[in-house]
Amino acid sequence: MRLVIQRVKEASVAIAGTVKGSIGPGLLVLVAVEAVDTQEDIEWLCGKIVKLRVFDDENGVMNRSVQDIGGDVLVVSQFTLFASTRKGNRPSYSRSAGPDIAIPLYERFLARLELDLGKPPATGEFGADMQVALVNNGPVTIIIDSQLKE
């Protein structure tokens, strides 16, 4: 799985003009699923999300997690995170898992994140044409790939 995590003041996702999910201060997490992803990847990533210290403490140092601040998480599926632009100008998405693999893993990811976070994350809708709005705080944007473990 590949994640793009953004610290936000607020974020929302809309489908056909209707807001499906929204949060105040917290994290916007864009998620792409790869066919080789496992439950171990899900557990590792969800642990990282809830414990990632990217929020300021009283001294202005990024030393607090989304759990520490009581923040929320908005999760949006985004298969294009695995785009390859190696050849030509039209990206290839062949590393992204197809819906038959990606949807169950994405749902297990959401369930595990809810367990680790202690509350359900806000979400978009897998495979839908979504419009994402956010106010990036910092900006702070972090990319995590479970295959690279970095």
N, C-alpha and C. Protein backbone atom coordinates (compact mmCIF):
# COMPACT_ATOMS: atom_id res chain seq x y z
N MET A 1 0.85 -1.17 0.00
CA MET A 1 0.00 0.00 0.00
C MET A 1 0.89 1.23 0.00
N ARG A 2 0.40 2.23 -0.64
CA ARG A 2 1.09 3.51 -0.64
C ARG A 2 0.12 4.56 -0.11
N LEU A 3 0.62 5.38 0.81
CA LEU A 3 -0.19 6.42 1.42
C LEU A 3 0.44 7.79 1.19
N VAL A 4 -0.39 8.77 0.97
CA VAL A 4 0.01 10.16 1.07
C VAL A 4 -0.80 10.72 2.23
N ILE A 5 -0.08 11.17 3.25
CA ILE A 5 -0.71 11.66 4.48
C ILE A 5 -0.49 13.16 4.56
N GLN A 6 -1.57 13.91 4.72
CA GLN A 6 -1.47 15.35 4.82
C GLN A 6 -2.08 15.82 6.13
N ARG A 7 -1.31 16.63 6.86
CA ARG A 7 -1.84 17.25 8.07
C ARG A 7 -2.74 18.38 7.61
N VAL A 8 -3.99 18.37 8.08
CA VAL A 8 -4.96 19.35 7.60
C VAL A 8 -5.64 20.09 8.75
N LYS A 9 -6.08 21.30 8.44
CA LYS A 9 -6.95 22.04 9.35
C LYS A 9 -8.38 21.57 9.15
N GLU A 10 -8.69 21.20 7.88
CA GLU A 10 -9.99 20.63 7.54
C GLU A 10 -9.86 19.96 6.18
N ALA A 11 -10.74 18.99 5.94
CA ALA A 11 -10.75 18.30 4.65
C ALA A 11 -12.12 17.68 4.44
N SER A 12 -12.48 17.54 3.17
CA SER A 12 -13.75 16.89 2.85
C SER A 12 -13.64 16.20 1.50
N VAL A 13 -14.54 15.27 1.28
CA VAL A 13 -14.63 14.58 0.00
C VAL A 13 -16.10 14.58 -0.40
N ALA A 14 -16.34 14.97 -1.66
CA ALA A 14 -17.70 15.03 -2.19
C ALA A 14 -17.82 14.13 -3.41
N ILE A 15 -19.02 13.59 -3.58
CA ILE A 15 -19.35 12.77 -4.73
C ILE A 15 -20.61 13.34 -5.34
N ALA A 16 -20.55 13.71 -6.62
CA ALA A 16 -21.69 14.30 -7.33
C ALA A 16 -22.27 15.49 -6.56
N GLY A 17 -21.38 16.31 -5.98
CA GLY A 17 -21.81 17.52 -5.29
C GLY A 17 -22.28 17.34 -3.86
N THR A 18 -22.29 16.11 -3.38
CA THR A 18 -22.73 15.82 -2.01
C THR A 18 -21.53 15.41 -1.17
N VAL A 19 -21.34 16.06 -0.03
CA VAL A 19 -20.22 15.72 0.85
C VAL A 19 -20.47 14.35 1.45
N LYS A 20 -19.49 13.46 1.24
CA LYS A 20 -19.56 12.08 1.77
C LYS A 20 -18.86 11.98 3.12
N GLY A 21 -17.75 12.72 3.26
CA GLY A 21 -17.00 12.69 4.51
C GLY A 21 -16.28 14.00 4.71
N SER A 22 -16.17 14.44 5.96
CA SER A 22 -15.43 15.66 6.25
C SER A 22 -14.86 15.59 7.66
N ILE A 23 -13.76 16.31 7.85
CA ILE A 23 -13.10 16.36 9.16
C ILE A 23 -12.62 17.78 9.43
N GLY A 24 -12.39 18.04 10.71
CA GLY A 24 -11.69 19.25 11.13
C GLY A 24 -10.21 18.92 11.21
N PRO A 25 -9.51 19.42 12.21
CA PRO A 25 -8.09 19.14 12.33
C PRO A 25 -7.80 17.64 12.39
N GLY A 26 -6.80 17.23 11.61
CA GLY A 26 -6.44 15.82 11.59
C GLY A 26 -5.61 15.49 10.37
N LEU A 27 -5.86 14.29 9.83
CA LEU A 27 -5.07 13.79 8.71
C LEU A 27 -5.97 13.40 7.55
N LEU A 28 -5.59 13.82 6.36
CA LEU A 28 -6.18 13.31 5.13
C LEU A 28 -5.23 12.23 4.64
N VAL A 29 -5.76 11.03 4.42
CA VAL A 29 -4.93 9.90 3.99
C VAL A 29 -5.44 9.40 2.64
N LEU A 30 -4.60 9.56 1.62
CA LEU A 30 -4.89 9.00 0.30
C LEU A 30 -4.25 7.62 0.26
N VAL A 31 -5.02 6.61 -0.20
CA VAL A 31 -4.58 5.22 -0.12
C VAL A 31 -4.64 4.55 -1.48
N ALA A 32 -3.54 3.88 -1.85
CA ALA A 32 -3.52 3.03 -3.04
C ALA A 32 -3.15 1.62 -2.61
N VAL A 33 -3.83 0.64 -3.19
CA VAL A 33 -3.62 -0.76 -2.84
C VAL A 33 -2.90 -1.46 -3.99
N GLU A 34 -1.92 -2.28 -3.62
CA GLU A 34 -1.16 -3.08 -4.57
C GLU A 34 -1.52 -4.55 -4.34
N ALA A 35 -1.46 -5.36 -5.38
CA ALA A 35 -1.87 -6.77 -5.29
C ALA A 35 -1.08 -7.56 -4.25
N VAL A 36 0.14 -7.15 -3.95
CA VAL A 36 0.98 -7.89 -3.00
C VAL A 36 0.72 -7.50 -1.54
N ASP A 37 -0.16 -6.55 -1.29
CA ASP A 37 -0.42 -6.09 0.07
C ASP A 37 -1.07 -7.17 0.92
N THR A 38 -0.74 -7.14 2.22
CA THR A 38 -1.22 -8.15 3.16
C THR A 38 -1.80 -7.48 4.41
N GLN A 39 -2.34 -8.31 5.29
CA GLN A 39 -2.83 -7.82 6.57
C GLN A 39 -1.70 -7.20 7.38
N GLU A 40 -0.51 -7.73 7.25
CA GLU A 40 0.65 -7.17 7.94
C GLU A 40 0.91 -5.73 7.49
N ASP A 41 0.79 -5.48 6.19
CA ASP A 41 0.95 -4.11 5.67
C ASP A 41 -0.10 -3.19 6.27
N ILE A 42 -1.34 -3.66 6.33
CA ILE A 42 -2.44 -2.87 6.88
C ILE A 42 -2.16 -2.51 8.34
N GLU A 43 -1.76 -3.49 9.13
CA GLU A 43 -1.50 -3.25 10.55
C GLU A 43 -0.35 -2.27 10.74
N TRP A 44 0.72 -2.44 9.96
CA TRP A 44 1.88 -1.55 10.08
C TRP A 44 1.50 -0.11 9.71
N LEU A 45 0.78 0.05 8.60
CA LEU A 45 0.40 1.39 8.15
C LEU A 45 -0.57 2.07 9.11
N CYS A 46 -1.56 1.35 9.58
CA CYS A 46 -2.53 1.96 10.50
C CYS A 46 -1.84 2.38 11.80
N GLY A 47 -0.90 1.58 12.27
CA GLY A 47 -0.13 1.96 13.44
C GLY A 47 0.66 3.24 13.20
N LYS A 48 1.24 3.36 12.02
CA LYS A 48 1.98 4.57 11.66
C LYS A 48 1.06 5.79 11.62
N ILE A 49 -0.10 5.64 11.01
CA ILE A 49 -1.03 6.77 10.87
C ILE A 49 -1.39 7.34 12.23
N VAL A 50 -1.82 6.50 13.15
CA VAL A 50 -2.32 7.01 14.43
C VAL A 50 -1.21 7.49 15.36
N LYS A 51 0.02 7.02 15.13
CA LYS A 51 1.13 7.40 16.02
C LYS A 51 2.10 8.40 15.41
N LEU A 52 1.89 8.76 14.15
CA LEU A 52 2.77 9.68 13.45
C LEU A 52 2.76 11.04 14.15
N ARG A 53 3.91 11.48 14.62
CA ARG A 53 3.99 12.73 15.39
C ARG A 53 4.25 13.90 14.46
N VAL A 54 3.15 14.47 13.96
CA VAL A 54 3.24 15.59 13.01
C VAL A 54 2.46 16.82 13.46
N PHE A 55 1.94 16.78 14.69
CA PHE A 55 1.20 17.92 15.23
C PHE A 55 2.05 18.58 16.31
N ASP A 56 1.96 19.90 16.36
CA ASP A 56 2.78 20.67 17.29
C ASP A 56 2.37 20.45 18.75
N ASP A 57 3.39 20.39 19.60
CA ASP A 57 3.14 20.39 21.05
C ASP A 57 3.13 21.84 21.53
N GLU A 58 3.13 22.04 22.83
CA GLU A 58 3.05 23.39 23.39
C GLU A 58 4.29 24.24 23.07
N ASN A 59 5.37 23.59 22.63
CA ASN A 59 6.59 24.31 22.27
C ASN A 59 6.74 24.51 20.77
N GLY A 60 5.71 24.17 20.02
CA GLY A 60 5.75 24.34 18.58
C GLY A 60 6.58 23.28 17.86
N VAL A 61 6.83 22.17 18.53
CA VAL A 61 7.60 21.07 17.95
C VAL A 61 6.62 19.97 17.53
N MET A 62 6.82 19.42 16.33
CA MET A 62 5.94 18.32 15.88
C MET A 62 6.24 17.08 16.72
N ASN A 63 5.44 16.93 17.76
CA ASN A 63 5.69 15.88 18.74
C ASN A 63 4.41 15.17 19.18
N ARG A 64 3.29 15.51 18.53
CA ARG A 64 2.01 14.92 18.93
C ARG A 64 1.38 14.21 17.74
N SER A 65 0.65 13.15 18.03
CA SER A 65 -0.02 12.36 17.00
C SER A 65 -1.47 12.80 16.84
N VAL A 66 -2.11 12.28 15.83
CA VAL A 66 -3.54 12.57 15.63
C VAL A 66 -4.34 12.08 16.83
N GLN A 67 -3.92 10.97 17.45
CA GLN A 67 -4.58 10.49 18.67
C GLN A 67 -4.38 11.49 19.81
N ASP A 68 -3.16 11.99 19.94
CA ASP A 68 -2.85 12.91 21.02
C ASP A 68 -3.70 14.17 20.98
N ILE A 69 -4.00 14.66 19.76
CA ILE A 69 -4.78 15.90 19.65
C ILE A 69 -6.28 15.65 19.55
N GLY A 70 -6.69 14.37 19.55
CA GLY A 70 -8.11 14.05 19.39
C GLY A 70 -8.60 14.37 18.00
N GLY A 71 -7.69 14.34 17.02
CA GLY A 71 -8.04 14.68 15.65
C GLY A 71 -8.75 13.56 14.92
N ASP A 72 -9.18 13.87 13.72
CA ASP A 72 -9.90 12.92 12.88
C ASP A 72 -9.05 12.53 11.68
N VAL A 73 -9.49 11.49 11.00
CA VAL A 73 -8.82 11.01 9.79
C VAL A 73 -9.86 10.86 8.69
N LEU A 74 -9.52 11.38 7.51
CA LEU A 74 -10.33 11.20 6.31
C LEU A 74 -9.53 10.33 5.36
N VAL A 75 -10.09 9.20 4.94
CA VAL A 75 -9.41 8.26 4.05
C VAL A 75 -10.08 8.30 2.68
N VAL A 76 -9.26 8.46 1.65
CA VAL A 76 -9.75 8.50 0.28
C VAL A 76 -8.92 7.53 -0.56
N SER A 77 -9.59 6.59 -1.23
CA SER A 77 -8.86 5.66 -2.10
C SER A 77 -8.39 6.40 -3.34
N GLN A 78 -7.15 6.09 -3.77
CA GLN A 78 -6.59 6.79 -4.92
C GLN A 78 -5.56 5.89 -5.62
N PHE A 79 -6.05 5.07 -6.55
CA PHE A 79 -5.19 4.11 -7.24
C PHE A 79 -4.05 4.78 -8.01
N THR A 80 -4.20 6.06 -8.35
CA THR A 80 -3.18 6.75 -9.15
C THR A 80 -1.87 6.97 -8.40
N LEU A 81 -1.83 6.67 -7.09
CA LEU A 81 -0.58 6.81 -6.35
C LEU A 81 0.48 5.84 -6.83
N PHE A 82 0.06 4.80 -7.55
CA PHE A 82 1.02 3.85 -8.11
C PHE A 82 1.32 4.14 -9.58
N ALA A 83 1.06 5.34 -10.03
CA ALA A 83 1.32 5.69 -11.43
C ALA A 83 2.80 5.56 -11.76
N SER A 84 3.07 4.98 -12.91
CA SER A 84 4.43 4.93 -13.43
C SER A 84 4.49 5.80 -14.67
N THR A 85 5.44 6.71 -14.68
CA THR A 85 5.60 7.60 -15.83
C THR A 85 6.92 7.31 -16.56
N ARG A 86 7.44 6.11 -16.35
CA ARG A 86 8.73 5.72 -16.93
C ARG A 86 8.71 5.82 -18.45
N LYS A 87 7.65 5.34 -19.08
CA LYS A 87 7.57 5.34 -20.55
C LYS A 87 6.49 6.31 -21.02
N GLY A 88 6.86 7.22 -21.88
CA GLY A 88 5.89 8.12 -22.48
C GLY A 88 5.28 9.09 -21.49
N ASN A 89 4.16 9.66 -21.91
CA ASN A 89 3.49 10.68 -21.09
C ASN A 89 2.16 10.23 -20.54
N ARG A 90 1.74 9.02 -20.86
CA ARG A 90 0.50 8.49 -20.30
C ARG A 90 0.86 7.54 -19.16
N PRO A 91 0.50 7.87 -17.93
CA PRO A 91 0.88 7.02 -16.80
C PRO A 91 0.28 5.62 -16.90
N SER A 92 1.04 4.67 -16.41
CA SER A 92 0.57 3.29 -16.29
C SER A 92 0.19 3.05 -14.83
N TYR A 93 -0.91 2.38 -14.63
CA TYR A 93 -1.38 2.08 -13.27
C TYR A 93 -1.35 0.58 -13.00
N SER A 94 -0.48 -0.14 -13.68
CA SER A 94 -0.47 -1.60 -13.60
C SER A 94 -0.11 -2.13 -12.22
N ARG A 95 0.57 -1.33 -11.39
CA ARG A 95 0.89 -1.78 -10.03
C ARG A 95 -0.31 -1.71 -9.09
N SER A 96 -1.30 -0.92 -9.44
CA SER A 96 -2.49 -0.80 -8.59
C SER A 96 -3.31 -2.08 -8.70
N ALA A 97 -3.77 -2.57 -7.56
CA ALA A 97 -4.61 -3.77 -7.55
C ALA A 97 -5.96 -3.47 -8.18
N GLY A 98 -6.51 -4.46 -8.85
CA GLY A 98 -7.86 -4.34 -9.39
C GLY A 98 -8.88 -4.36 -8.27
N PRO A 99 -10.11 -3.96 -8.56
CA PRO A 99 -11.15 -3.88 -7.52
C PRO A 99 -11.38 -5.18 -6.75
N ASP A 100 -11.23 -6.33 -7.40
CA ASP A 100 -11.47 -7.60 -6.72
C ASP A 100 -10.50 -7.83 -5.56
N ILE A 101 -9.30 -7.31 -5.67
CA ILE A 101 -8.30 -7.40 -4.60
C ILE A 101 -8.32 -6.14 -3.73
N ALA A 102 -8.42 -4.99 -4.38
CA ALA A 102 -8.28 -3.72 -3.67
C ALA A 102 -9.43 -3.43 -2.71
N ILE A 103 -10.66 -3.70 -3.11
CA ILE A 103 -11.80 -3.36 -2.24
C ILE A 103 -11.75 -4.10 -0.91
N PRO A 104 -11.56 -5.43 -0.89
CA PRO A 104 -11.48 -6.09 0.42
C PRO A 104 -10.32 -5.59 1.28
N LEU A 105 -9.17 -5.33 0.66
CA LEU A 105 -8.03 -4.82 1.44
C LEU A 105 -8.31 -3.41 1.95
N TYR A 106 -8.93 -2.59 1.13
CA TYR A 106 -9.29 -1.23 1.54
C TYR A 106 -10.27 -1.29 2.72
N GLU A 107 -11.25 -2.16 2.66
CA GLU A 107 -12.22 -2.29 3.75
C GLU A 107 -11.55 -2.79 5.02
N ARG A 108 -10.60 -3.72 4.89
CA ARG A 108 -9.86 -4.19 6.07
C ARG A 108 -8.98 -3.08 6.63
N PHE A 109 -8.44 -2.25 5.75
CA PHE A 109 -7.65 -1.10 6.18
C PHE A 109 -8.51 -0.15 7.01
N LEU A 110 -9.72 0.16 6.53
CA LEU A 110 -10.62 1.06 7.27
C LEU A 110 -10.99 0.47 8.63
N ALA A 111 -11.27 -0.83 8.66
CA ALA A 111 -11.65 -1.48 9.93
C ALA A 111 -10.49 -1.43 10.92
N ARG A 112 -9.28 -1.69 10.45
CA ARG A 112 -8.13 -1.67 11.35
C ARG A 112 -7.82 -0.25 11.82
N LEU A 113 -7.96 0.72 10.92
CA LEU A 113 -7.73 2.11 11.30
C LEU A 113 -8.74 2.55 12.37
N GLU A 114 -9.99 2.14 12.22
CA GLU A 114 -11.00 2.46 13.24
C GLU A 114 -10.61 1.85 14.58
N LEU A 115 -10.13 0.63 14.57
CA LEU A 115 -9.71 -0.04 15.80
C LEU A 115 -8.54 0.71 16.44
N ASP A 116 -7.53 1.06 15.65
CA ASP A 116 -6.35 1.73 16.19
C ASP A 116 -6.64 3.16 16.61
N LEU A 117 -7.49 3.85 15.86
CA LEU A 117 -7.81 5.25 16.14
C LEU A 117 -8.82 5.40 17.27
N GLY A 118 -9.65 4.38 17.44
CA GLY A 118 -10.68 4.43 18.48
C GLY A 118 -11.97 5.08 18.03
N LYS A 119 -12.07 5.38 16.75
CA LYS A 119 -13.28 5.94 16.17
C LYS A 119 -13.20 5.73 14.66
N PRO A 120 -14.36 5.72 14.00
CA PRO A 120 -14.32 5.46 12.56
C PRO A 120 -13.74 6.64 11.79
N PRO A 121 -12.92 6.34 10.78
CA PRO A 121 -12.45 7.43 9.93
C PRO A 121 -13.57 7.87 9.00
N ALA A 122 -13.53 9.12 8.59
CA ALA A 122 -14.41 9.58 7.52
C ALA A 122 -13.84 9.01 6.22
N THR A 123 -14.71 8.79 5.23
CA THR A 123 -14.24 8.17 3.99
C THR A 123 -14.91 8.78 2.78
N GLY A 124 -14.30 8.49 1.65
CA GLY A 124 -14.94 8.72 0.36
C GLY A 124 -15.65 7.44 -0.01
N GLU A 125 -15.69 7.14 -1.31
CA GLU A 125 -16.31 5.91 -1.79
C GLU A 125 -15.35 5.28 -2.80
N PHE A 126 -14.97 4.06 -2.55
CA PHE A 126 -13.99 3.39 -3.40
C PHE A 126 -14.46 3.40 -4.86
N GLY A 127 -13.59 3.85 -5.75
CA GLY A 127 -13.87 3.84 -7.18
C GLY A 127 -14.74 4.96 -7.70
N ALA A 128 -15.24 5.81 -6.83
CA ALA A 128 -16.11 6.91 -7.26
C ALA A 128 -15.28 8.07 -7.80
N ASP A 129 -15.92 8.91 -8.58
CA ASP A 129 -15.31 10.17 -9.02
C ASP A 129 -15.51 11.15 -7.87
N MET A 130 -14.43 11.46 -7.16
CA MET A 130 -14.52 12.26 -5.94
C MET A 130 -13.82 13.59 -6.10
N GLN A 131 -14.32 14.59 -5.40
CA GLN A 131 -13.68 15.88 -5.32
C GLN A 131 -13.22 16.06 -3.88
N VAL A 132 -11.92 16.24 -3.72
CA VAL A 132 -11.33 16.35 -2.38
C VAL A 132 -10.93 17.80 -2.16
N ALA A 133 -11.35 18.35 -1.04
CA ALA A 133 -10.98 19.71 -0.65
C ALA A 133 -10.24 19.64 0.68
N LEU A 134 -9.19 20.46 0.81
CA LEU A 134 -8.45 20.45 2.06
C LEU A 134 -7.74 21.76 2.29
N VAL A 135 -7.48 22.03 3.54
CA VAL A 135 -6.60 23.11 3.94
C VAL A 135 -5.42 22.42 4.60
N ASN A 136 -4.32 22.32 3.84
CA ASN A 136 -3.12 21.65 4.32
C ASN A 136 -2.49 22.53 5.39
N ASN A 137 -2.18 21.95 6.53
CA ASN A 137 -1.65 22.68 7.67
C ASN A 137 -0.14 22.52 7.71
N GLY A 138 0.57 23.57 7.37
CA GLY A 138 2.04 23.56 7.44
C GLY A 138 2.70 24.15 6.22
N PRO A 139 2.64 23.51 5.08
CA PRO A 139 2.07 22.20 4.80
C PRO A 139 2.95 21.06 5.32
N VAL A 140 2.27 19.99 5.71
CA VAL A 140 2.95 18.76 6.10
C VAL A 140 2.36 17.65 5.26
N THR A 141 3.19 17.04 4.43
CA THR A 141 2.76 15.94 3.56
C THR A 141 3.83 14.85 3.63
N ILE A 142 3.39 13.61 3.92
CA ILE A 142 4.30 12.49 4.09
C ILE A 142 3.83 11.33 3.23
N ILE A 143 4.78 10.68 2.56
CA ILE A 143 4.48 9.52 1.74
C ILE A 143 5.03 8.29 2.43
N ILE A 144 4.20 7.25 2.56
CA ILE A 144 4.63 6.00 3.18
C ILE A 144 4.24 4.86 2.23
N ASP A 145 5.17 3.96 1.99
CA ASP A 145 4.94 2.78 1.17
C ASP A 145 5.23 1.55 2.01
N SER A 146 4.25 0.68 2.17
CA SER A 146 4.43 -0.48 3.06
C SER A 146 5.46 -1.46 2.53
N GLN A 147 5.70 -1.48 1.23
CA GLN A 147 6.72 -2.38 0.69
C GLN A 147 8.12 -1.88 0.99
N LEU A 148 8.29 -0.58 1.10
CA LEU A 148 9.60 0.00 1.39
C LEU A 148 9.84 0.15 2.89
N LYS A 149 8.76 0.15 3.68
CA LYS A 149 8.83 0.32 5.14
C LYS A 149 9.65 1.54 5.53
N GLU A 150 9.36 2.67 4.85
CA GLU A 150 10.06 3.90 5.21
C GLU A 150 9.09 5.04 5.34
